[in-house]
Amino acid sequence: MNPRVRNVIPLTDYRLEIEFENSEIREFDVKPYLNRGIFKELQDITYFSRVKVSLGSIEWPHGQDFCPDTLFEESKVIETA
């Protein structure tokens, strides 16, 4: 099982900086999802910036979320402990 999310910071160009419980900081690119179903609302950068940590993952106000495994496996390492 992959580590869960501890913190999330929205970045420019629809990317997220995510800190995981194992202290790794990774970057997740949301752009590939922006034209899919419920994720289309994230195209509004103001709304995109409202992301928060929820139950070991991330979530937006209208319920869009990603599995923590997806966030970990599809992100690239920026910094390790």
PDB file of N, CA and C in Angstrom:
ATOM      1  N   MET A   1       0.842  -1.176   0.000  1.00  0.00           N
ATOM      2  CA  MET A   1       0.000   0.000   0.000  1.00  0.00           C
ATOM      3  C   MET A   1       0.892   1.247   0.000  1.00  0.00           C
ATOM      4  N   ASN A   2       0.541   2.193  -0.829  1.00  0.00           N
ATOM      5  CA  ASN A   2       1.299   3.431  -0.940  1.00  0.00           C
ATOM      6  C   ASN A   2       0.972   4.376   0.213  1.00  0.00           C
ATOM      7  N   PRO A   3       1.876   5.317   0.511  1.00  0.00           N
ATOM      8  CA  PRO A   3       1.613   6.275   1.592  1.00  0.00           C
ATOM      9  C   PRO A   3       0.458   7.204   1.248  1.00  0.00           C
ATOM     10  N   ARG A   4      -0.143   7.742   2.268  1.00  0.00           N
ATOM     11  CA  ARG A   4      -1.263   8.656   2.113  1.00  0.00           C
ATOM     12  C   ARG A   4      -0.773  10.102   2.067  1.00  0.00           C
ATOM     13  N   VAL A   5      -1.656  10.985   1.634  1.00  0.00           N
ATOM     14  CA  VAL A   5      -1.342  12.400   1.473  1.00  0.00           C
ATOM     15  C   VAL A   5      -1.367  13.105   2.828  1.00  0.00           C
ATOM     16  N   ARG A   6      -0.356  13.923   3.051  1.00  0.00           N
ATOM     17  CA  ARG A   6      -0.265  14.736   4.268  1.00  0.00           C
ATOM     18  C   ARG A   6      -0.593  16.207   3.971  1.00  0.00           C
ATOM     19  N   ASN A   7      -0.181  16.679   2.779  1.00  0.00           N
ATOM     20  CA  ASN A   7      -0.393  18.086   2.428  1.00  0.00           C
ATOM     21  C   ASN A   7      -0.462  18.220   0.909  1.00  0.00           C
ATOM     22  N   VAL A   8      -1.189  19.219   0.433  1.00  0.00           N
ATOM     23  CA  VAL A   8      -1.286  19.479  -1.006  1.00  0.00           C
ATOM     24  C   VAL A   8      -1.236  20.981  -1.244  1.00  0.00           C
ATOM     25  N   ILE A   9      -0.488  21.362  -2.286  1.00  0.00           N
ATOM     26  CA  ILE A   9      -0.376  22.768  -2.686  1.00  0.00           C
ATOM     27  C   ILE A   9      -0.655  22.838  -4.188  1.00  0.00           C
ATOM     28  N   PRO A  10      -1.676  23.616  -4.600  1.00  0.00           N
ATOM     29  CA  PRO A  10      -1.913  23.779  -6.038  1.00  0.00           C
ATOM     30  C   PRO A  10      -0.817  24.645  -6.652  1.00  0.00           C
ATOM     31  N   LEU A  11      -0.321  24.225  -7.804  1.00  0.00           N
ATOM     32  CA  LEU A  11       0.717  24.957  -8.532  1.00  0.00           C
ATOM     33  C   LEU A  11       0.135  25.487  -9.839  1.00  0.00           C
ATOM     34  N   THR A  12       0.942  26.214 -10.586  1.00  0.00           N
ATOM     35  CA  THR A  12       0.497  26.707 -11.884  1.00  0.00           C
ATOM     36  C   THR A  12       0.385  25.547 -12.865  1.00  0.00           C
ATOM     37  N   ASP A  13      -0.301  25.789 -13.942  1.00  0.00           N
ATOM     38  CA  ASP A  13      -0.413  24.823 -15.034  1.00  0.00           C
ATOM     39  C   ASP A  13      -1.047  23.496 -14.598  1.00  0.00           C
ATOM     40  N   TYR A  14      -2.004  23.578 -13.671  1.00  0.00           N
ATOM     41  CA  TYR A  14      -2.796  22.411 -13.235  1.00  0.00           C
ATOM     42  C   TYR A  14      -1.943  21.269 -12.683  1.00  0.00           C
ATOM     43  N   ARG A  15      -0.959  21.651 -11.882  1.00  0.00           N
ATOM     44  CA  ARG A  15      -0.129  20.666 -11.196  1.00  0.00           C
ATOM     45  C   ARG A  15      -0.344  20.801  -9.697  1.00  0.00           C
ATOM     46  N   LEU A  16      -0.058  19.732  -8.973  1.00  0.00           N
ATOM     47  CA  LEU A  16      -0.176  19.733  -7.521  1.00  0.00           C
ATOM     48  C   LEU A  16       1.138  19.294  -6.898  1.00  0.00           C
ATOM     49  N   GLU A  17       1.549  19.987  -5.864  1.00  0.00           N
ATOM     50  CA  GLU A  17       2.679  19.527  -5.061  1.00  0.00           C
ATOM     51  C   GLU A  17       2.077  18.789  -3.870  1.00  0.00           C
ATOM     52  N   ILE A  18       2.432  17.529  -3.741  1.00  0.00           N
ATOM     53  CA  ILE A  18       1.826  16.684  -2.719  1.00  0.00           C
ATOM     54  C   ILE A  18       2.901  16.128  -1.797  1.00  0.00           C
ATOM     55  N   GLU A  19       2.687  16.302  -0.497  1.00  0.00           N
ATOM     56  CA  GLU A  19       3.558  15.692   0.496  1.00  0.00           C
ATOM     57  C   GLU A  19       2.857  14.450   1.025  1.00  0.00           C
ATOM     58  N   PHE A  20       3.578  13.334   0.984  1.00  0.00           N
ATOM     59  CA  PHE A  20       3.033  12.067   1.455  1.00  0.00           C
ATOM     60  C   PHE A  20       3.533  11.755   2.860  1.00  0.00           C
ATOM     61  N   GLU A  21       2.881  10.814   3.522  1.00  0.00           N
ATOM     62  CA  GLU A  21       3.234  10.442   4.897  1.00  0.00           C
ATOM     63  C   GLU A  21       4.657   9.914   5.041  1.00  0.00           C
ATOM     64  N   ASN A  22       5.246   9.441   3.950  1.00  0.00           N
ATOM     65  CA  ASN A  22       6.637   8.961   4.011  1.00  0.00           C
ATOM     66  C   ASN A  22       7.635  10.107   3.822  1.00  0.00           C
ATOM     67  N   SER A  23       7.137  11.333   3.844  1.00  0.00           N
ATOM     68  CA  SER A  23       7.912  12.582   3.713  1.00  0.00           C
ATOM     69  C   SER A  23       8.375  12.891   2.292  1.00  0.00           C
ATOM     70  N   GLU A  24       8.004  12.069   1.319  1.00  0.00           N
ATOM     71  CA  GLU A  24       8.315  12.407  -0.073  1.00  0.00           C
ATOM     72  C   GLU A  24       7.410  13.544  -0.520  1.00  0.00           C
ATOM     73  N   ILE A  25       7.981  14.442  -1.307  1.00  0.00           N
ATOM     74  CA  ILE A  25       7.205  15.500  -1.946  1.00  0.00           C
ATOM     75  C   ILE A  25       7.233  15.204  -3.435  1.00  0.00           C
ATOM     76  N   ARG A  26       6.035  15.130  -4.011  1.00  0.00           N
ATOM     77  CA  ARG A  26       5.901  14.747  -5.413  1.00  0.00           C
ATOM     78  C   ARG A  26       5.031  15.756  -6.150  1.00  0.00           C
ATOM     79  N   GLU A  27       5.164  15.756  -7.457  1.00  0.00           N
ATOM     80  CA  GLU A  27       4.353  16.620  -8.301  1.00  0.00           C
ATOM     81  C   GLU A  27       3.415  15.754  -9.143  1.00  0.00           C
ATOM     82  N   PHE A  28       2.126  16.092  -9.098  1.00  0.00           N
ATOM     83  CA  PHE A  28       1.107  15.360  -9.853  1.00  0.00           C
ATOM     84  C   PHE A  28       0.498  16.311 -10.874  1.00  0.00           C
ATOM     85  N   ASP A  29       0.490  15.894 -12.124  1.00  0.00           N
ATOM     86  CA  ASP A  29      -0.052  16.691 -13.226  1.00  0.00           C
ATOM     87  C   ASP A  29      -1.510  16.297 -13.449  1.00  0.00           C
ATOM     88  N   VAL A  30      -2.410  17.248 -13.261  1.00  0.00           N
ATOM     89  CA  VAL A  30      -3.845  16.977 -13.415  1.00  0.00           C
ATOM     90  C   VAL A  30      -4.309  17.186 -14.853  1.00  0.00           C
ATOM     91  N   LYS A  31      -3.498  17.829 -15.690  1.00  0.00           N
ATOM     92  CA  LYS A  31      -3.914  18.158 -17.067  1.00  0.00           C
ATOM     93  C   LYS A  31      -4.502  16.983 -17.845  1.00  0.00           C
ATOM     94  N   PRO A  32      -3.948  15.762 -17.769  1.00  0.00           N
ATOM     95  CA  PRO A  32      -4.532  14.665 -18.547  1.00  0.00           C
ATOM     96  C   PRO A  32      -5.978  14.321 -18.171  1.00  0.00           C
ATOM     97  N   TYR A  33      -6.447  14.809 -17.043  1.00  0.00           N
ATOM     98  CA  TYR A  33      -7.791  14.480 -16.566  1.00  0.00           C
ATOM     99  C   TYR A  33      -8.808  15.593 -16.810  1.00  0.00           C
ATOM    100  N   LEU A  34      -8.365  16.768 -17.223  1.00  0.00           N
ATOM    101  CA  LEU A  34      -9.222  17.947 -17.277  1.00  0.00           C
ATOM    102  C   LEU A  34     -10.383  17.863 -18.260  1.00  0.00           C
ATOM    103  N   ASN A  35     -10.326  16.991 -19.228  1.00  0.00           N
ATOM    104  CA  ASN A  35     -11.418  16.866 -20.197  1.00  0.00           C
ATOM    105  C   ASN A  35     -12.278  15.632 -19.950  1.00  0.00           C
ATOM    106  N   ARG A  36     -12.162  15.065 -18.756  1.00  0.00           N
ATOM    107  CA  ARG A  36     -12.896  13.844 -18.422  1.00  0.00           C
ATOM    108  C   ARG A  36     -13.982  14.110 -17.379  1.00  0.00           C
ATOM    109  N   GLY A  37     -15.209  13.841 -17.738  1.00  0.00           N
ATOM    110  CA  GLY A  37     -16.339  13.848 -16.812  1.00  0.00           C
ATOM    111  C   GLY A  37     -16.300  14.895 -15.719  1.00  0.00           C
ATOM    112  N   ILE A  38     -16.310  14.416 -14.470  1.00  0.00           N
ATOM    113  CA  ILE A  38     -16.405  15.319 -13.323  1.00  0.00           C
ATOM    114  C   ILE A  38     -15.188  16.225 -13.169  1.00  0.00           C
ATOM    115  N   PHE A  39     -14.092  15.894 -13.815  1.00  0.00           N
ATOM    116  CA  PHE A  39     -12.876  16.701 -13.681  1.00  0.00           C
ATOM    117  C   PHE A  39     -12.898  17.959 -14.550  1.00  0.00           C
ATOM    118  N   LYS A  40     -13.857  18.078 -15.473  1.00  0.00           N
ATOM    119  CA  LYS A  40     -13.925  19.264 -16.344  1.00  0.00           C
ATOM    120  C   LYS A  40     -14.038  20.555 -15.540  1.00  0.00           C
ATOM    121  N   GLU A  41     -14.697  20.488 -14.392  1.00  0.00           N
ATOM    122  CA  GLU A  41     -14.861  21.680 -13.554  1.00  0.00           C
ATOM    123  C   GLU A  41     -13.505  22.211 -13.066  1.00  0.00           C
ATOM    124  N   LEU A  42     -12.499  21.344 -13.011  1.00  0.00           N
ATOM    125  CA  LEU A  42     -11.174  21.754 -12.551  1.00  0.00           C
ATOM    126  C   LEU A  42     -10.465  22.672 -13.538  1.00  0.00           C
ATOM    127  N   GLN A  43     -11.012  22.818 -14.747  1.00  0.00           N
ATOM    128  CA  GLN A  43     -10.436  23.737 -15.722  1.00  0.00           C
ATOM    129  C   GLN A  43     -10.495  25.178 -15.237  1.00  0.00           C
ATOM    130  N   ASP A  44     -11.431  25.476 -14.336  1.00  0.00           N
ATOM    131  CA  ASP A  44     -11.503  26.792 -13.706  1.00  0.00           C
ATOM    132  C   ASP A  44     -10.391  26.851 -12.666  1.00  0.00           C
ATOM    133  N   ILE A  45      -9.337  27.628 -12.935  1.00  0.00           N
ATOM    134  CA  ILE A  45      -8.150  27.637 -12.084  1.00  0.00           C
ATOM    135  C   ILE A  45      -8.458  28.091 -10.659  1.00  0.00           C
ATOM    136  N   THR A  46      -9.455  28.951 -10.495  1.00  0.00           N
ATOM    137  CA  THR A  46      -9.854  29.371  -9.145  1.00  0.00           C
ATOM    138  C   THR A  46     -10.418  28.181  -8.380  1.00  0.00           C
ATOM    139  N   TYR A  47     -11.261  27.411  -9.050  1.00  0.00           N
ATOM    140  CA  TYR A  47     -11.823  26.209  -8.420  1.00  0.00           C
ATOM    141  C   TYR A  47     -10.721  25.171  -8.189  1.00  0.00           C
ATOM    142  N   PHE A  48      -9.860  24.985  -9.167  1.00  0.00           N
ATOM    143  CA  PHE A  48      -8.756  24.033  -9.042  1.00  0.00           C
ATOM    144  C   PHE A  48      -7.932  24.328  -7.791  1.00  0.00           C
ATOM    145  N   SER A  49      -7.743  25.594  -7.487  1.00  0.00           N
ATOM    146  CA  SER A  49      -6.929  26.010  -6.343  1.00  0.00           C
ATOM    147  C   SER A  49      -7.574  25.711  -4.995  1.00  0.00           C
ATOM    148  N   ARG A  50      -8.812  25.268  -4.994  1.00  0.00           N
ATOM    149  CA  ARG A  50      -9.522  24.979  -3.745  1.00  0.00           C
ATOM    150  C   ARG A  50      -9.319  23.536  -3.263  1.00  0.00           C
ATOM    151  N   VAL A  51      -8.355  22.839  -3.819  1.00  0.00           N
ATOM    152  CA  VAL A  51      -8.059  21.461  -3.434  1.00  0.00           C
ATOM    153  C   VAL A  51      -7.642  21.404  -1.968  1.00  0.00           C
ATOM    154  N   LYS A  52      -7.991  20.309  -1.292  1.00  0.00           N
ATOM    155  CA  LYS A  52      -7.610  20.122   0.109  1.00  0.00           C
ATOM    156  C   LYS A  52      -7.352  18.640   0.378  1.00  0.00           C
ATOM    157  N   VAL A  53      -6.673  18.369   1.467  1.00  0.00           N
ATOM    158  CA  VAL A  53      -6.444  16.994   1.901  1.00  0.00           C
ATOM    159  C   VAL A  53      -7.733  16.465   2.521  1.00  0.00           C
ATOM    160  N   SER A  54      -8.061  15.214   2.179  1.00  0.00           N
ATOM    161  CA  SER A  54      -9.266  14.587   2.720  1.00  0.00           C
ATOM    162  C   SER A  54      -9.047  13.086   2.832  1.00  0.00           C
ATOM    163  N   LEU A  55      -9.110  12.570   4.027  1.00  0.00           N
ATOM    164  CA  LEU A  55      -9.030  11.131   4.280  1.00  0.00           C
ATOM    165  C   LEU A  55      -7.821  10.474   3.617  1.00  0.00           C
ATOM    166  N   GLY A  56      -6.668  11.109   3.707  1.00  0.00           N
ATOM    167  CA  GLY A  56      -5.441  10.548   3.155  1.00  0.00           C
ATOM    168  C   GLY A  56      -5.278  10.719   1.665  1.00  0.00           C
ATOM    169  N   SER A  57      -6.163  11.497   1.056  1.00  0.00           N
ATOM    170  CA  SER A  57      -6.081  11.783  -0.370  1.00  0.00           C
ATOM    171  C   SER A  57      -6.331  13.278  -0.554  1.00  0.00           C
ATOM    172  N   ILE A  58      -6.825  13.660  -1.742  1.00  0.00           N
ATOM    173  CA  ILE A  58      -7.172  15.057  -1.996  1.00  0.00           C
ATOM    174  C   ILE A  58      -8.593  15.122  -2.516  1.00  0.00           C
ATOM    175  N   GLU A  59      -9.197  16.308  -2.388  1.00  0.00           N
ATOM    176  CA  GLU A  59     -10.581  16.470  -2.808  1.00  0.00           C
ATOM    177  C   GLU A  59     -10.865  17.933  -3.092  1.00  0.00           C
ATOM    178  N   TRP A  60     -11.799  18.174  -4.013  1.00  0.00           N
ATOM    179  CA  TRP A  60     -12.297  19.511  -4.300  1.00  0.00           C
ATOM    180  C   TRP A  60     -13.700  19.643  -3.731  1.00  0.00           C
ATOM    181  N   PRO A  61     -14.216  20.869  -3.612  1.00  0.00           N
ATOM    182  CA  PRO A  61     -15.507  21.083  -2.944  1.00  0.00           C
ATOM    183  C   PRO A  61     -16.694  20.296  -3.510  1.00  0.00           C
ATOM    184  N   HIS A  62     -16.713  20.011  -4.794  1.00  0.00           N
ATOM    185  CA  HIS A  62     -17.848  19.297  -5.372  1.00  0.00           C
ATOM    186  C   HIS A  62     -17.610  17.793  -5.483  1.00  0.00           C
ATOM    187  N   GLY A  63     -16.611  17.300  -4.764  1.00  0.00           N
ATOM    188  CA  GLY A  63     -16.406  15.862  -4.648  1.00  0.00           C
ATOM    189  C   GLY A  63     -15.404  15.236  -5.597  1.00  0.00           C
ATOM    190  N   GLN A  64     -14.811  15.998  -6.497  1.00  0.00           N
ATOM    191  CA  GLN A  64     -13.775  15.420  -7.352  1.00  0.00           C
ATOM    192  C   GLN A  64     -12.616  14.990  -6.461  1.00  0.00           C
ATOM    193  N   ASP A  65     -12.091  13.810  -6.733  1.00  0.00           N
ATOM    194  CA  ASP A  65     -10.961  13.325  -5.942  1.00  0.00           C
ATOM    195  C   ASP A  65     -10.137  12.338  -6.752  1.00  0.00           C
ATOM    196  N   PHE A  66      -8.994  11.989  -6.204  1.00  0.00           N
ATOM    197  CA  PHE A  66      -8.117  10.981  -6.796  1.00  0.00           C
ATOM    198  C   PHE A  66      -7.775   9.972  -5.714  1.00  0.00           C
ATOM    199  N   CYS A  67      -7.625   8.745  -6.117  1.00  0.00           N
ATOM    200  CA  CYS A  67      -7.174   7.689  -5.221  1.00  0.00           C
ATOM    201  C   CYS A  67      -5.742   8.020  -4.803  1.00  0.00           C
ATOM    202  N   PRO A  68      -5.397   7.842  -3.511  1.00  0.00           N
ATOM    203  CA  PRO A  68      -4.032   8.138  -3.096  1.00  0.00           C
ATOM    204  C   PRO A  68      -2.995   7.287  -3.829  1.00  0.00           C
ATOM    205  N   ASP A  69      -3.355   6.069  -4.233  1.00  0.00           N
ATOM    206  CA  ASP A  69      -2.433   5.234  -5.002  1.00  0.00           C
ATOM    207  C   ASP A  69      -2.137   5.861  -6.361  1.00  0.00           C
ATOM    208  N   THR A  70      -3.162   6.386  -7.016  1.00  0.00           N
ATOM    209  CA  THR A  70      -2.973   7.066  -8.305  1.00  0.00           C
ATOM    210  C   THR A  70      -2.061   8.273  -8.131  1.00  0.00           C
ATOM    211  N   LEU A  71      -2.323   9.058  -7.091  1.00  0.00           N
ATOM    212  CA  LEU A  71      -1.497  10.243  -6.842  1.00  0.00           C
ATOM    213  C   LEU A  71      -0.031   9.873  -6.650  1.00  0.00           C
ATOM    214  N   PHE A  72       0.225   8.801  -5.925  1.00  0.00           N
ATOM    215  CA  PHE A  72       1.599   8.403  -5.644  1.00  0.00           C
ATOM    216  C   PHE A  72       2.267   7.790  -6.877  1.00  0.00           C
ATOM    217  N   GLU A  73       1.578   6.878  -7.529  1.00  0.00           N
ATOM    218  CA  GLU A  73       2.175   6.141  -8.642  1.00  0.00           C
ATOM    219  C   GLU A  73       2.330   6.973  -9.908  1.00  0.00           C
ATOM    220  N   GLU A  74       1.474   7.975 -10.112  1.00  0.00           N
ATOM    221  CA  GLU A  74       1.532   8.778 -11.325  1.00  0.00           C
ATOM    222  C   GLU A  74       2.207  10.139 -11.114  1.00  0.00           C
ATOM    223  N   SER A  75       2.820  10.327  -9.969  1.00  0.00           N
ATOM    224  CA  SER A  75       3.517  11.586  -9.700  1.00  0.00           C
ATOM    225  C   SER A  75       5.016  11.383  -9.799  1.00  0.00           C
ATOM    226  N   LYS A  76       5.722  12.505  -9.899  1.00  0.00           N
ATOM    227  CA  LYS A  76       7.185  12.405  -9.946  1.00  0.00           C
ATOM    228  C   LYS A  76       7.766  13.027  -8.679  1.00  0.00           C
ATOM    229  N   VAL A  77       8.846  12.442  -8.218  1.00  0.00           N
ATOM    230  CA  VAL A  77       9.491  12.897  -6.980  1.00  0.00           C
ATOM    231  C   VAL A  77      10.132  14.254  -7.196  1.00  0.00           C
ATOM    232  N   ILE A  78       9.878  15.164  -6.269  1.00  0.00           N
ATOM    233  CA  ILE A  78      10.539  16.470  -6.246  1.00  0.00           C
ATOM    234  C   ILE A  78      11.613  16.462  -5.164  1.00  0.00           C
ATOM    235  N   GLU A  79      11.231  15.870  -4.010  1.00  0.00           N
ATOM    236  CA  GLU A  79      12.139  15.889  -2.854  1.00  0.00           C
ATOM    237  C   GLU A  79      11.861  14.660  -1.986  1.00  0.00           C
ATOM    238  N   THR A  80      12.907  14.095  -1.420  1.00  0.00           N
ATOM    239  CA  THR A  80      12.752  12.976  -0.491  1.00  0.00           C
ATOM    240  C   THR A  80      13.380  13.338   0.844  1.00  0.00           C
ATOM    241  N   ALA A  81      12.946  12.622   1.856  1.00  0.00           N
ATOM    242  CA  ALA A  81      13.438  12.911   3.217  1.00  0.00           C
ATOM    243  C   ALA A  81      14.873  12.458   3.374  1.00  0.00           C
TER     244      ALA A  81
END
